[in-house]
Structure formats: structure tokens, C-alpha cells
């Protein structure tokens, strides 16, 4: 059990952030040990051959692969610097990574157990050159493994932040923190995390705790200290349906609410915009909007704004209805 001092003042400075580098690091942990991440097997089976062909994973993998161990091994903090906010930018995050002070890189590499492979040893000897190599590998990994699926991942992460924001408004900070994950609870000004390899300092002052929703950190949580901004990565909601292919429209449900509305519910396993729903279903945007209005009124769909887009997702009631109809 890890205990992080988190005063009421620090709780008031909690913020959410979405991070490309967090998904890179967490997804490599999945590829190293898929046994605890069965929900991501469709993704892992699809991307692993291409990553291996590029020399980015496996025994002959590069620097990035050797810096990200299988859970619960130590993960260097400099790999996941505190993200700036809700609009992730891989280039901006890599700029922060490349600017990591050499002494910080060496100190964190010294925490890895065992001997260093040649790539890691070269990073320790020349952090500036090694970080440039690492950033290039991250970019290559991103293009192959995550960029094709990033729109749907990003929608899910944004939807989670919107849902947690509502939770904060309804139940306060205690309700938010105690509802993040079964391994996390906040009591007596202390954030308790049921994780042996999960370290971060107390947060009495400074910018506060950064909460990072993640797809690939599932089913656990991961907390690190990066500078003066401790971060807690937790599984975003809705991951179970992330890699599912849309199922056919259940006839029983279509008979009750209409085939068009039933089709929209089957597509809304992850948050989608009206434009994307129209593209997937062949309906007009106006028709989709009318159906969504009716589904929202029935408590089957919720909609939230992200930038200029309105994203809709199924509610738990809709999930139960679809399950029963199938």
C-alpha cells in the first residue's frame, strides 16, 4: 500500500490531463505481458507483427522497449512527463522528454535492476543523444501502434474526463477520488493506492495531483512522480467495448424503438459525433440528431461537448437493453 499525503488544499488543485506518452508507455507494458490485459488482445495481435518488423518490440527491440518493463517493474518518470492538459500533442510531449536534464535521466536509470543493455547504457553515457534516439523511436511506435486508433481512443478518454467532471460536481473531490478505481481511496488527507510499485511524494503545495485517464493502464493504476507534479494514471471507462466491431442490430430492440435508433445504440460503444454516426449508418446528420434527441430523453444516450464537437455515448441503461435484446 502506497500512501500519498494529499491535503484539502492540494485536492482543490487536482486536474485532469490526456497524454500520448502515457498511452505509449502503458501500451508497451501490455505488449510485454498480455496475460493481464485480455481486453487489448485484438489490438496487440494486430500491431505486434508490424512493430516487430520495425525492430521496436521483442528481444531485439530498441531503447524504448528496454526502458518499459513488464508490470510491475520500475518505469522511469522521465518517460511520462506531466501532460499540459486535455489536448494531447505528441510533438509537445516529446519536446519535454528531450529536454530532461541529464542528471535526472542518469539518476532514474540507476533505479533499474540488473545490468543495462547496450542501448540503455548509451543513454546513460550520453543522455542528450539518447533522448533524441528515444523520441525518434516513440514517433515510429506511435505511427504504427497508436495513430490509426487514436481518434477512437481519444474520444473514449475525453468522455471519461467529462463523466468524472460530472462526478466531481455531484459528489465532490472525495467522491471523485474514491470512485476512480478499487485500488484507490482518499481518507484523512491521504491518497491510498494498493500498489507496491507505485511511488509519488506527498502533495502539500505546488500544482497538485494530475489525474490521467488511460486506455492501456487497465486493469490497474500507475502513479509516478515527475518533477513537482505527481500523476495518477487510471483506467478510463468503456474500455471493454473499445476494440469490439459493431454488432448487428437486434431485431427485438428494433421492433420496440425503431431500427434507426437501435442502429445508433449499437454504434455508440464508444463516444461518437453526429457526423461520425451519420457516416457509419448512412443516415443524414439531421436524422441522427433527431434520433439522439429521443434517445437522450429516454435516458439511453448522454451527450457532452469536446471543443466544437458534441459526442454521444450509450448509458448503462442502454447497455443493459442491448444485452437483453441480444
C-alpha atoms as a PDB file:
ATOM      1  CA  UNK A   1       0.000   0.000   0.000  1.00  0.00           C
ATOM      2  CA  UNK A   2       1.343   3.418  -1.022  1.00  0.00           C
ATOM      3  CA  UNK A   3       0.217   6.493   0.919  1.00  0.00           C
ATOM      4  CA  UNK A   4       0.461   9.973  -0.649  1.00  0.00           C
ATOM      5  CA  UNK A   5      -0.272  12.961   1.566  1.00  0.00           C
ATOM      6  CA  UNK A   6      -2.983  14.939  -0.221  1.00  0.00           C
ATOM      7  CA  UNK A   7      -4.294  17.855   1.808  1.00  0.00           C
ATOM      8  CA  UNK A   8      -7.620  19.556   1.170  1.00  0.00           C
ATOM      9  CA  UNK A   9      -5.720  22.428  -0.459  1.00  0.00           C
ATOM     10  CA  UNK A  10      -3.944  20.030  -2.792  1.00  0.00           C
ATOM     11  CA  UNK A  11      -7.255  18.375  -3.655  1.00  0.00           C
ATOM     12  CA  UNK A  12      -8.535  21.763  -4.782  1.00  0.00           C
ATOM     13  CA  UNK A  13      -5.721  21.826  -7.369  1.00  0.00           C
ATOM     14  CA  UNK A  14      -6.381  18.389  -8.865  1.00  0.00           C
ATOM     15  CA  UNK A  15      -6.599  18.486 -12.641  1.00  0.00           C
ATOM     16  CA  UNK A  16      -7.191  16.038 -15.476  1.00  0.00           C
ATOM     17  CA  UNK A  17      -4.871  15.609 -18.449  1.00  0.00           C
ATOM     18  CA  UNK A  18      -4.737  13.361 -21.504  1.00  0.00           C
ATOM     19  CA  UNK A  19      -1.318  12.138 -22.624  1.00  0.00           C
ATOM     20  CA  UNK A  20       0.111  10.497 -25.726  1.00  0.00           C
ATOM     21  CA  UNK A  21       3.250   9.385 -23.881  1.00  0.00           C
ATOM     22  CA  UNK A  22       1.229   7.712 -21.148  1.00  0.00           C
ATOM     23  CA  UNK A  23      -0.532   5.608 -23.790  1.00  0.00           C
ATOM     24  CA  UNK A  24       2.812   4.760 -25.411  1.00  0.00           C
ATOM     25  CA  UNK A  25       4.349   3.537 -22.152  1.00  0.00           C
ATOM     26  CA  UNK A  26       1.233   1.747 -20.924  1.00  0.00           C
ATOM     27  CA  UNK A  27       0.637   0.041 -24.282  1.00  0.00           C
ATOM     28  CA  UNK A  28       4.190  -1.332 -24.331  1.00  0.00           C
ATOM     29  CA  UNK A  29       3.542  -2.835 -20.907  1.00  0.00           C
ATOM     30  CA  UNK A  30       0.514  -4.539 -22.450  1.00  0.00           C
ATOM     31  CA  UNK A  31       2.617  -5.945 -25.298  1.00  0.00           C
ATOM     32  CA  UNK A  32       5.162  -7.264 -22.804  1.00  0.00           C
ATOM     33  CA  UNK A  33       2.524  -9.139 -20.811  1.00  0.00           C
ATOM     34  CA  UNK A  34      -0.900  -9.557 -22.402  1.00  0.00           C
ATOM     35  CA  UNK A  35      -1.978 -12.066 -19.748  1.00  0.00           C
ATOM     36  CA  UNK A  36      -3.465  -9.375 -17.525  1.00  0.00           C
ATOM     37  CA  UNK A  37      -4.766  -7.290 -20.406  1.00  0.00           C
ATOM     38  CA  UNK A  38      -7.040  -9.660 -22.302  1.00  0.00           C
ATOM     39  CA  UNK A  39      -9.326  -6.827 -23.376  1.00  0.00           C
ATOM     40  CA  UNK A  40      -6.473  -5.465 -25.527  1.00  0.00           C
ATOM     41  CA  UNK A  41      -5.640  -8.748 -27.279  1.00  0.00           C
ATOM     42  CA  UNK A  42      -7.322  -7.730 -30.579  1.00  0.00           C
ATOM     43  CA  UNK A  43      -5.125  -4.641 -30.694  1.00  0.00           C
ATOM     44  CA  UNK A  44      -1.966  -6.483 -29.597  1.00  0.00           C
ATOM     45  CA  UNK A  45      -2.380  -9.228 -32.222  1.00  0.00           C
ATOM     46  CA  UNK A  46      -2.885  -6.632 -34.918  1.00  0.00           C
ATOM     47  CA  UNK A  47       0.068  -4.333 -34.153  1.00  0.00           C
ATOM     48  CA  UNK A  48       2.727  -6.679 -32.762  1.00  0.00           C
ATOM     49  CA  UNK A  49       3.856  -8.125 -36.155  1.00  0.00           C
ATOM     50  CA  UNK A  50       4.277  -4.647 -37.634  1.00  0.00           C
ATOM     51  CA  UNK A  51       6.173  -3.407 -34.574  1.00  0.00           C
ATOM     52  CA  UNK A  52       8.436  -6.464 -34.642  1.00  0.00           C
ATOM     53  CA  UNK A  53       9.148  -5.910 -38.334  1.00  0.00           C
ATOM     54  CA  UNK A  54      10.194  -2.338 -37.480  1.00  0.00           C
ATOM     55  CA  UNK A  55      12.505  -3.611 -34.716  1.00  0.00           C
ATOM     56  CA  UNK A  56      10.564  -1.859 -31.955  1.00  0.00           C
ATOM     57  CA  UNK A  57       9.458  -4.826 -29.801  1.00  0.00           C
ATOM     58  CA  UNK A  58      10.787  -8.204 -28.746  1.00  0.00           C
ATOM     59  CA  UNK A  59      14.275  -9.350 -27.696  1.00  0.00           C
ATOM     60  CA  UNK A  60      15.844  -7.213 -30.404  1.00  0.00           C
ATOM     61  CA  UNK A  61      13.658  -4.202 -29.614  1.00  0.00           C
ATOM     62  CA  UNK A  62      15.142  -0.752 -29.308  1.00  0.00           C
ATOM     63  CA  UNK A  63      15.705   1.675 -26.470  1.00  0.00           C
ATOM     64  CA  UNK A  64      12.010   2.344 -25.838  1.00  0.00           C
ATOM     65  CA  UNK A  65      11.259  -1.362 -25.458  1.00  0.00           C
ATOM     66  CA  UNK A  66      14.041  -1.858 -22.921  1.00  0.00           C
ATOM     67  CA  UNK A  67      13.018   1.176 -20.866  1.00  0.00           C
ATOM     68  CA  UNK A  68       9.430  -0.024 -20.375  1.00  0.00           C
ATOM     69  CA  UNK A  69       9.390  -3.237 -18.322  1.00  0.00           C
ATOM     70  CA  UNK A  70       6.516  -5.634 -17.829  1.00  0.00           C
ATOM     71  CA  UNK A  71       4.325  -4.806 -14.824  1.00  0.00           C
ATOM     72  CA  UNK A  72       5.122  -4.237 -12.011  1.00  0.00           C
ATOM     73  CA  UNK A  73       8.682  -3.259 -12.926  1.00  0.00           C
ATOM     74  CA  UNK A  74      10.016   0.251 -12.403  1.00  0.00           C
ATOM     75  CA  UNK A  75       9.151   2.795 -15.100  1.00  0.00           C
ATOM     76  CA  UNK A  76      11.379   5.870 -15.330  1.00  0.00           C
ATOM     77  CA  UNK A  77       9.458   9.054 -14.571  1.00  0.00           C
ATOM     78  CA  UNK A  78      11.021  10.966 -17.466  1.00  0.00           C
ATOM     79  CA  UNK A  79       9.150   8.732 -19.928  1.00  0.00           C
ATOM     80  CA  UNK A  80       5.843  10.302 -18.893  1.00  0.00           C
ATOM     81  CA  UNK A  81       6.343  13.998 -18.083  1.00  0.00           C
ATOM     82  CA  UNK A  82       3.255  15.792 -16.731  1.00  0.00           C
ATOM     83  CA  UNK A  83       0.936  16.453 -19.694  1.00  0.00           C
ATOM     84  CA  UNK A  84      -0.151  20.021 -20.211  1.00  0.00           C
ATOM     85  CA  UNK A  85      -3.899  19.486 -20.401  1.00  0.00           C
ATOM     86  CA  UNK A  86      -6.815  17.944 -22.250  1.00  0.00           C
ATOM     87  CA  UNK A  87      -5.453  18.494 -25.765  1.00  0.00           C
ATOM     88  CA  UNK A  88      -2.623  15.978 -26.117  1.00  0.00           C
ATOM     89  CA  UNK A  89       0.154  16.838 -28.535  1.00  0.00           C
ATOM     90  CA  UNK A  90       2.796  14.176 -29.122  1.00  0.00           C
ATOM     91  CA  UNK A  91       5.303  16.674 -30.510  1.00  0.00           C
ATOM     92  CA  UNK A  92       4.973  18.926 -27.444  1.00  0.00           C
ATOM     93  CA  UNK A  93       5.329  15.985 -25.062  1.00  0.00           C
ATOM     94  CA  UNK A  94       8.412  14.749 -26.918  1.00  0.00           C
ATOM     95  CA  UNK A  95       9.954  18.213 -26.657  1.00  0.00           C
ATOM     96  CA  UNK A  96       9.615  17.976 -22.873  1.00  0.00           C
ATOM     97  CA  UNK A  97      11.068  14.454 -22.942  1.00  0.00           C
ATOM     98  CA  UNK A  98      14.103  15.544 -24.978  1.00  0.00           C
ATOM     99  CA  UNK A  99      14.693  18.426 -22.535  1.00  0.00           C
ATOM    100  CA  UNK A 100      15.004  16.141 -19.491  1.00  0.00           C
ATOM    101  CA  UNK A 101      18.157  17.140 -17.548  1.00  0.00           C
ATOM    102  CA  UNK A 102      20.968  14.579 -17.971  1.00  0.00           C
ATOM    103  CA  UNK A 103      21.354  14.142 -14.214  1.00  0.00           C
ATOM    104  CA  UNK A 104      17.662  13.249 -13.945  1.00  0.00           C
ATOM    105  CA  UNK A 105      17.987  10.655 -16.698  1.00  0.00           C
ATOM    106  CA  UNK A 106      21.024   9.030 -15.084  1.00  0.00           C
ATOM    107  CA  UNK A 107      19.501   9.049 -11.595  1.00  0.00           C
ATOM    108  CA  UNK A 108      16.346   7.315 -12.802  1.00  0.00           C
ATOM    109  CA  UNK A 109      18.223   4.798 -14.944  1.00  0.00           C
ATOM    110  CA  UNK A 110      20.211   3.895 -11.841  1.00  0.00           C
ATOM    111  CA  UNK A 111      16.957   2.689 -10.266  1.00  0.00           C
ATOM    112  CA  UNK A 112      16.518  -0.077 -12.861  1.00  0.00           C
ATOM    113  CA  UNK A 113      17.552  -3.502 -11.510  1.00  0.00           C
ATOM    114  CA  UNK A 114      20.132  -5.702 -13.221  1.00  0.00           C
ATOM    115  CA  UNK A 115      22.578  -4.875 -15.967  1.00  0.00           C
ATOM    116  CA  UNK A 116      21.953  -2.404 -18.760  1.00  0.00           C
ATOM    117  CA  UNK A 117      21.542  -3.443 -22.350  1.00  0.00           C
ATOM    118  CA  UNK A 118      23.771  -1.510 -24.838  1.00  0.00           C
ATOM    119  CA  UNK A 119      21.044   0.974 -25.836  1.00  0.00           C
ATOM    120  CA  UNK A 120      20.231   1.869 -22.229  1.00  0.00           C
ATOM    121  CA  UNK A 121      23.941   2.080 -21.389  1.00  0.00           C
ATOM    122  CA  UNK A 122      24.403   4.528 -24.267  1.00  0.00           C
ATOM    123  CA  UNK A 123      21.506   6.645 -22.938  1.00  0.00           C
ATOM    124  CA  UNK A 124      23.159   6.717 -19.518  1.00  0.00           C
ATOM    125  CA  UNK A 125      26.507   7.728 -21.016  1.00  0.00           C
ATOM    126  CA  UNK A 126      25.077  10.450 -23.283  1.00  0.00           C
ATOM    127  CA  UNK A 127      21.536  11.401 -22.219  1.00  0.00           C
ATOM    128  CA  UNK A 128      21.097  14.164 -24.801  1.00  0.00           C
ATOM    129  CA  UNK A 129      21.850  11.904 -27.768  1.00  0.00           C
ATOM    130  CA  UNK A 130      19.969   9.015 -26.178  1.00  0.00           C
ATOM    131  CA  UNK A 131      16.848  11.099 -25.638  1.00  0.00           C
ATOM    132  CA  UNK A 132      16.861  12.127 -29.293  1.00  0.00           C
ATOM    133  CA  UNK A 133      17.030   8.454 -30.257  1.00  0.00           C
ATOM    134  CA  UNK A 134      14.265   7.646 -27.776  1.00  0.00           C
ATOM    135  CA  UNK A 135      11.996  10.376 -29.162  1.00  0.00           C
ATOM    136  CA  UNK A 136      12.500   9.038 -32.698  1.00  0.00           C
ATOM    137  CA  UNK A 137      11.539   5.539 -31.550  1.00  0.00           C
ATOM    138  CA  UNK A 138       8.449   6.882 -29.799  1.00  0.00           C
ATOM    139  CA  UNK A 139       7.383   8.601 -33.029  1.00  0.00           C
ATOM    140  CA  UNK A 140       7.863   5.383 -35.009  1.00  0.00           C
ATOM    141  CA  UNK A 141       5.984   3.357 -32.405  1.00  0.00           C
ATOM    142  CA  UNK A 142       3.160   5.888 -32.377  1.00  0.00           C
ATOM    143  CA  UNK A 143       2.735   5.795 -36.167  1.00  0.00           C
ATOM    144  CA  UNK A 144       2.440   2.013 -36.213  1.00  0.00           C
ATOM    145  CA  UNK A 145       0.704   1.106 -32.962  1.00  0.00           C
ATOM    146  CA  UNK A 146      -1.460   4.020 -31.861  1.00  0.00           C
ATOM    147  CA  UNK A 147      -2.040   6.653 -34.532  1.00  0.00           C
ATOM    148  CA  UNK A 148      -4.542   4.541 -36.543  1.00  0.00           C
ATOM    149  CA  UNK A 149      -6.706   4.025 -33.443  1.00  0.00           C
ATOM    150  CA  UNK A 150      -6.057   7.350 -31.742  1.00  0.00           C
ATOM    151  CA  UNK A 151      -9.367   9.015 -32.766  1.00  0.00           C
ATOM    152  CA  UNK A 152     -11.449   6.329 -31.058  1.00  0.00           C
ATOM    153  CA  UNK A 153      -9.071   6.180 -28.071  1.00  0.00           C
ATOM    154  CA  UNK A 154      -9.164   9.961 -27.730  1.00  0.00           C
ATOM    155  CA  UNK A 155     -12.961  10.011 -27.810  1.00  0.00           C
ATOM    156  CA  UNK A 156     -13.088   7.451 -25.011  1.00  0.00           C
ATOM    157  CA  UNK A 157     -10.585   9.395 -22.882  1.00  0.00           C
ATOM    158  CA  UNK A 158     -12.438  12.656 -23.422  1.00  0.00           C
ATOM    159  CA  UNK A 159     -15.728  11.007 -22.490  1.00  0.00           C
ATOM    160  CA  UNK A 160     -14.182   9.707 -19.277  1.00  0.00           C
ATOM    161  CA  UNK A 161     -12.967  13.176 -18.296  1.00  0.00           C
ATOM    162  CA  UNK A 162     -16.453  14.579 -18.945  1.00  0.00           C
ATOM    163  CA  UNK A 163     -18.040  11.856 -16.805  1.00  0.00           C
ATOM    164  CA  UNK A 164     -15.537  12.384 -13.975  1.00  0.00           C
ATOM    165  CA  UNK A 165     -16.190  16.121 -14.149  1.00  0.00           C
ATOM    166  CA  UNK A 166     -19.898  15.475 -13.589  1.00  0.00           C
ATOM    167  CA  UNK A 167     -18.984  13.131 -10.732  1.00  0.00           C
ATOM    168  CA  UNK A 168     -16.873  15.884  -9.162  1.00  0.00           C
ATOM    169  CA  UNK A 169     -19.744  18.361  -9.470  1.00  0.00           C
ATOM    170  CA  UNK A 170     -22.230  15.939  -7.918  1.00  0.00           C
ATOM    171  CA  UNK A 171     -20.141  14.216  -5.215  1.00  0.00           C
ATOM    172  CA  UNK A 172     -17.139  16.470  -4.589  1.00  0.00           C
ATOM    173  CA  UNK A 173     -13.454  15.591  -4.539  1.00  0.00           C
ATOM    174  CA  UNK A 174     -13.868  12.707  -2.089  1.00  0.00           C
ATOM    175  CA  UNK A 175     -16.450  11.070  -4.309  1.00  0.00           C
ATOM    176  CA  UNK A 176     -14.255  11.587  -7.374  1.00  0.00           C
ATOM    177  CA  UNK A 177     -11.101  10.101  -5.846  1.00  0.00           C
ATOM    178  CA  UNK A 178     -12.869   7.204  -4.151  1.00  0.00           C
ATOM    179  CA  UNK A 179     -14.652   6.367  -7.375  1.00  0.00           C
ATOM    180  CA  UNK A 180     -11.563   6.278  -9.611  1.00  0.00           C
ATOM    181  CA  UNK A 181     -10.587   2.645  -9.045  1.00  0.00           C
ATOM    182  CA  UNK A 182     -10.920  -0.120  -6.475  1.00  0.00           C
ATOM    183  CA  UNK A 183      -7.208   0.254  -5.671  1.00  0.00           C
ATOM    184  CA  UNK A 184      -7.538   3.946  -4.831  1.00  0.00           C
ATOM    185  CA  UNK A 185      -9.143   5.681  -1.873  1.00  0.00           C
ATOM    186  CA  UNK A 186      -8.798   9.048  -0.165  1.00  0.00           C
ATOM    187  CA  UNK A 187      -9.212   9.370   3.580  1.00  0.00           C
ATOM    188  CA  UNK A 188      -7.733  11.552   6.335  1.00  0.00           C
ATOM    189  CA  UNK A 189      -5.945  13.797   3.789  1.00  0.00           C
ATOM    190  CA  UNK A 190      -4.138  10.772   2.367  1.00  0.00           C
ATOM    191  CA  UNK A 191      -4.466   9.121  -1.029  1.00  0.00           C
ATOM    192  CA  UNK A 192      -4.018   5.368  -0.554  1.00  0.00           C
ATOM    193  CA  UNK A 193      -3.040   3.210  -3.535  1.00  0.00           C
ATOM    194  CA  UNK A 194      -2.993  -0.561  -3.257  1.00  0.00           C
ATOM    195  CA  UNK A 195       0.127  -0.986  -5.347  1.00  0.00           C
ATOM    196  CA  UNK A 196       3.624  -1.967  -4.255  1.00  0.00           C
ATOM    197  CA  UNK A 197       5.475  -0.443  -7.208  1.00  0.00           C
ATOM    198  CA  UNK A 198       3.597   2.817  -7.267  1.00  0.00           C
ATOM    199  CA  UNK A 199       5.502   5.812  -5.941  1.00  0.00           C
ATOM    200  CA  UNK A 200       4.846   9.511  -5.611  1.00  0.00           C
ATOM    201  CA  UNK A 201       5.615  12.156  -2.975  1.00  0.00           C
ATOM    202  CA  UNK A 202       3.164  13.985  -0.763  1.00  0.00           C
ATOM    203  CA  UNK A 203       1.361  16.890  -2.420  1.00  0.00           C
ATOM    204  CA  UNK A 204       1.207  19.702   0.149  1.00  0.00           C
ATOM    205  CA  UNK A 205       1.818  22.548  -2.294  1.00  0.00           C
ATOM    206  CA  UNK A 206       2.584  23.091  -5.944  1.00  0.00           C
ATOM    207  CA  UNK A 207       0.346  22.317  -8.910  1.00  0.00           C
ATOM    208  CA  UNK A 208      -1.456  19.384  -7.296  1.00  0.00           C
ATOM    209  CA  UNK A 209      -2.172  15.850  -8.442  1.00  0.00           C
ATOM    210  CA  UNK A 210      -2.613  15.163 -12.169  1.00  0.00           C
ATOM    211  CA  UNK A 211      -5.245  12.519 -12.974  1.00  0.00           C
ATOM    212  CA  UNK A 212      -4.548  10.835 -16.311  1.00  0.00           C
ATOM    213  CA  UNK A 213      -7.254   8.624 -17.852  1.00  0.00           C
ATOM    214  CA  UNK A 214      -5.666   5.803 -19.820  1.00  0.00           C
ATOM    215  CA  UNK A 215      -6.807   3.009 -22.071  1.00  0.00           C
ATOM    216  CA  UNK A 216      -3.797   0.739 -21.692  1.00  0.00           C
ATOM    217  CA  UNK A 217      -3.123   1.087 -17.957  1.00  0.00           C
ATOM    218  CA  UNK A 218      -6.214  -1.118 -17.403  1.00  0.00           C
ATOM    219  CA  UNK A 219      -6.890  -3.084 -15.217  1.00  0.00           C
ATOM    220  CA  UNK A 220      -4.619  -1.443 -12.631  1.00  0.00           C
ATOM    221  CA  UNK A 221      -3.410   2.067 -11.818  1.00  0.00           C
ATOM    222  CA  UNK A 222       0.030   3.602 -12.022  1.00  0.00           C
ATOM    223  CA  UNK A 223       1.324   6.545 -10.040  1.00  0.00           C
ATOM    224  CA  UNK A 224       4.619   8.335 -10.551  1.00  0.00           C
ATOM    225  CA  UNK A 225       6.396  11.494  -9.506  1.00  0.00           C
ATOM    226  CA  UNK A 226       7.565  13.644 -12.395  1.00  0.00           C
ATOM    227  CA  UNK A 227       9.116  16.807 -11.010  1.00  0.00           C
ATOM    228  CA  UNK A 228       6.714  18.588  -8.695  1.00  0.00           C
ATOM    229  CA  UNK A 229       3.547  17.187 -10.322  1.00  0.00           C
ATOM    230  CA  UNK A 230       2.679  13.635  -9.185  1.00  0.00           C
ATOM    231  CA  UNK A 231       0.481  11.774 -11.623  1.00  0.00           C
ATOM    232  CA  UNK A 232      -2.060   9.001 -11.202  1.00  0.00           C
ATOM    233  CA  UNK A 233      -2.997   7.105 -14.347  1.00  0.00           C
ATOM    234  CA  UNK A 234      -6.239   5.155 -14.048  1.00  0.00           C
ATOM    235  CA  UNK A 235      -8.368   3.090 -16.476  1.00  0.00           C
ATOM    236  CA  UNK A 236     -10.883   5.131 -18.435  1.00  0.00           C
ATOM    237  CA  UNK A 237     -14.473   3.953 -18.542  1.00  0.00           C
ATOM    238  CA  UNK A 238     -15.772   1.993 -21.522  1.00  0.00           C
ATOM    239  CA  UNK A 239     -12.559   0.116 -22.353  1.00  0.00           C
ATOM    240  CA  UNK A 240     -14.371  -3.206 -22.587  1.00  0.00           C
ATOM    241  CA  UNK A 241     -16.017  -2.189 -25.853  1.00  0.00           C
ATOM    242  CA  UNK A 242     -13.066  -0.304 -27.343  1.00  0.00           C
ATOM    243  CA  UNK A 243     -11.937  -2.978 -29.813  1.00  0.00           C
ATOM    244  CA  UNK A 244     -15.338  -4.527 -30.490  1.00  0.00           C
ATOM    245  CA  UNK A 245     -16.679  -4.495 -34.013  1.00  0.00           C
ATOM    246  CA  UNK A 246     -20.238  -3.159 -34.201  1.00  0.00           C
ATOM    247  CA  UNK A 247     -22.731  -5.983 -33.864  1.00  0.00           C
ATOM    248  CA  UNK A 248     -25.872  -6.341 -35.940  1.00  0.00           C
ATOM    249  CA  UNK A 249     -28.994  -4.538 -34.854  1.00  0.00           C
ATOM    250  CA  UNK A 250     -31.090  -6.824 -32.588  1.00  0.00           C
ATOM    251  CA  UNK A 251     -34.484  -7.344 -34.231  1.00  0.00           C
ATOM    252  CA  UNK A 252     -36.252  -7.379 -30.857  1.00  0.00           C
ATOM    253  CA  UNK A 253     -34.873  -3.955 -29.953  1.00  0.00           C
ATOM    254  CA  UNK A 254     -35.588  -2.545 -33.425  1.00  0.00           C
ATOM    255  CA  UNK A 255     -39.200  -3.623 -33.058  1.00  0.00           C
ATOM    256  CA  UNK A 256     -39.520  -1.553 -29.883  1.00  0.00           C
ATOM    257  CA  UNK A 257     -37.579   1.657 -30.595  1.00  0.00           C
ATOM    258  CA  UNK A 258     -37.179   1.542 -34.355  1.00  0.00           C
ATOM    259  CA  UNK A 259     -34.326   0.231 -36.480  1.00  0.00           C
ATOM    260  CA  UNK A 260     -32.633   3.606 -36.879  1.00  0.00           C
ATOM    261  CA  UNK A 261     -32.411   4.278 -33.155  1.00  0.00           C
ATOM    262  CA  UNK A 262     -31.391   0.682 -32.462  1.00  0.00           C
ATOM    263  CA  UNK A 263     -28.609   1.041 -35.044  1.00  0.00           C
ATOM    264  CA  UNK A 264     -27.335   4.181 -33.350  1.00  0.00           C
ATOM    265  CA  UNK A 265     -27.214   2.432 -29.976  1.00  0.00           C
ATOM    266  CA  UNK A 266     -25.181  -0.439 -31.416  1.00  0.00           C
ATOM    267  CA  UNK A 267     -22.668   2.041 -32.839  1.00  0.00           C
ATOM    268  CA  UNK A 268     -22.282   4.006 -29.608  1.00  0.00           C
ATOM    269  CA  UNK A 269     -19.982   1.587 -27.803  1.00  0.00           C
ATOM    270  CA  UNK A 270     -17.506   4.483 -27.737  1.00  0.00           C
ATOM    271  CA  UNK A 271     -18.403   8.210 -27.857  1.00  0.00           C
ATOM    272  CA  UNK A 272     -19.061   9.465 -31.382  1.00  0.00           C
ATOM    273  CA  UNK A 273     -20.035  12.719 -33.020  1.00  0.00           C
ATOM    274  CA  UNK A 274     -23.204  13.196 -35.037  1.00  0.00           C
ATOM    275  CA  UNK A 275     -21.101  13.443 -38.207  1.00  0.00           C
ATOM    276  CA  UNK A 276     -19.330  10.151 -37.500  1.00  0.00           C
ATOM    277  CA  UNK A 277     -22.638   8.415 -36.698  1.00  0.00           C
ATOM    278  CA  UNK A 278     -24.070   9.678 -39.973  1.00  0.00           C
ATOM    279  CA  UNK A 279     -21.046   8.336 -41.851  1.00  0.00           C
ATOM    280  CA  UNK A 280     -21.288   4.927 -40.190  1.00  0.00           C
ATOM    281  CA  UNK A 281     -25.033   4.477 -40.546  1.00  0.00           C
ATOM    282  CA  UNK A 282     -25.755   6.212 -43.835  1.00  0.00           C
ATOM    283  CA  UNK A 283     -28.356   8.437 -42.174  1.00  0.00           C
ATOM    284  CA  UNK A 284     -28.422  12.177 -42.641  1.00  0.00           C
ATOM    285  CA  UNK A 285     -26.884  14.289 -39.889  1.00  0.00           C
ATOM    286  CA  UNK A 286     -30.326  15.779 -39.235  1.00  0.00           C
ATOM    287  CA  UNK A 287     -31.871  12.335 -38.892  1.00  0.00           C
ATOM    288  CA  UNK A 288     -29.150  11.236 -36.483  1.00  0.00           C
ATOM    289  CA  UNK A 289     -29.666  14.379 -34.418  1.00  0.00           C
ATOM    290  CA  UNK A 290     -33.416  13.744 -34.150  1.00  0.00           C
ATOM    291  CA  UNK A 291     -32.894  10.146 -33.065  1.00  0.00           C
ATOM    292  CA  UNK A 292     -30.283  11.172 -30.481  1.00  0.00           C
ATOM    293  CA  UNK A 293     -32.690  13.727 -29.021  1.00  0.00           C
ATOM    294  CA  UNK A 294     -35.268  10.985 -28.487  1.00  0.00           C
ATOM    295  CA  UNK A 295     -32.680   8.570 -27.061  1.00  0.00           C
ATOM    296  CA  UNK A 296     -31.403  11.204 -24.635  1.00  0.00           C
ATOM    297  CA  UNK A 297     -34.948  11.902 -23.458  1.00  0.00           C
ATOM    298  CA  UNK A 298     -35.358   8.180 -22.753  1.00  0.00           C
ATOM    299  CA  UNK A 299     -32.130   8.038 -20.740  1.00  0.00           C
ATOM    300  CA  UNK A 300     -30.375   5.807 -23.276  1.00  0.00           C
ATOM    301  CA  UNK A 301     -27.758   8.310 -24.501  1.00  0.00           C
ATOM    302  CA  UNK A 302     -25.710  11.077 -22.897  1.00  0.00           C
ATOM    303  CA  UNK A 303     -24.017  13.855 -24.860  1.00  0.00           C
ATOM    304  CA  UNK A 304     -21.147  16.137 -23.911  1.00  0.00           C
ATOM    305  CA  UNK A 305     -19.120  18.791 -25.708  1.00  0.00           C
ATOM    306  CA  UNK A 306     -15.463  18.427 -26.691  1.00  0.00           C
ATOM    307  CA  UNK A 307     -14.219  21.567 -28.370  1.00  0.00           C
ATOM    308  CA  UNK A 308     -16.622  22.205 -31.229  1.00  0.00           C
ATOM    309  CA  UNK A 309     -17.918  18.637 -31.305  1.00  0.00           C
ATOM    310  CA  UNK A 310     -20.818  17.074 -29.430  1.00  0.00           C
ATOM    311  CA  UNK A 311     -20.060  13.455 -28.532  1.00  0.00           C
ATOM    312  CA  UNK A 312     -22.759  10.943 -27.648  1.00  0.00           C
ATOM    313  CA  UNK A 313     -22.401   7.638 -25.818  1.00  0.00           C
ATOM    314  CA  UNK A 314     -24.653   4.878 -24.528  1.00  0.00           C
ATOM    315  CA  UNK A 315     -25.736   4.898 -20.901  1.00  0.00           C
ATOM    316  CA  UNK A 316     -25.670   1.863 -18.614  1.00  0.00           C
ATOM    317  CA  UNK A 317     -29.409   1.510 -19.195  1.00  0.00           C
ATOM    318  CA  UNK A 318     -28.805   1.277 -22.945  1.00  0.00           C
ATOM    319  CA  UNK A 319     -26.064  -1.305 -22.437  1.00  0.00           C
ATOM    320  CA  UNK A 320     -28.439  -3.447 -20.397  1.00  0.00           C
ATOM    321  CA  UNK A 321     -31.166  -3.049 -23.017  1.00  0.00           C
ATOM    322  CA  UNK A 322     -28.858  -4.110 -25.834  1.00  0.00           C
ATOM    323  CA  UNK A 323     -27.566  -7.067 -23.837  1.00  0.00           C
ATOM    324  CA  UNK A 324     -31.085  -8.270 -23.093  1.00  0.00           C
ATOM    325  CA  UNK A 325     -32.185  -7.840 -26.711  1.00  0.00           C
ATOM    326  CA  UNK A 326     -29.253  -9.892 -27.978  1.00  0.00           C
END
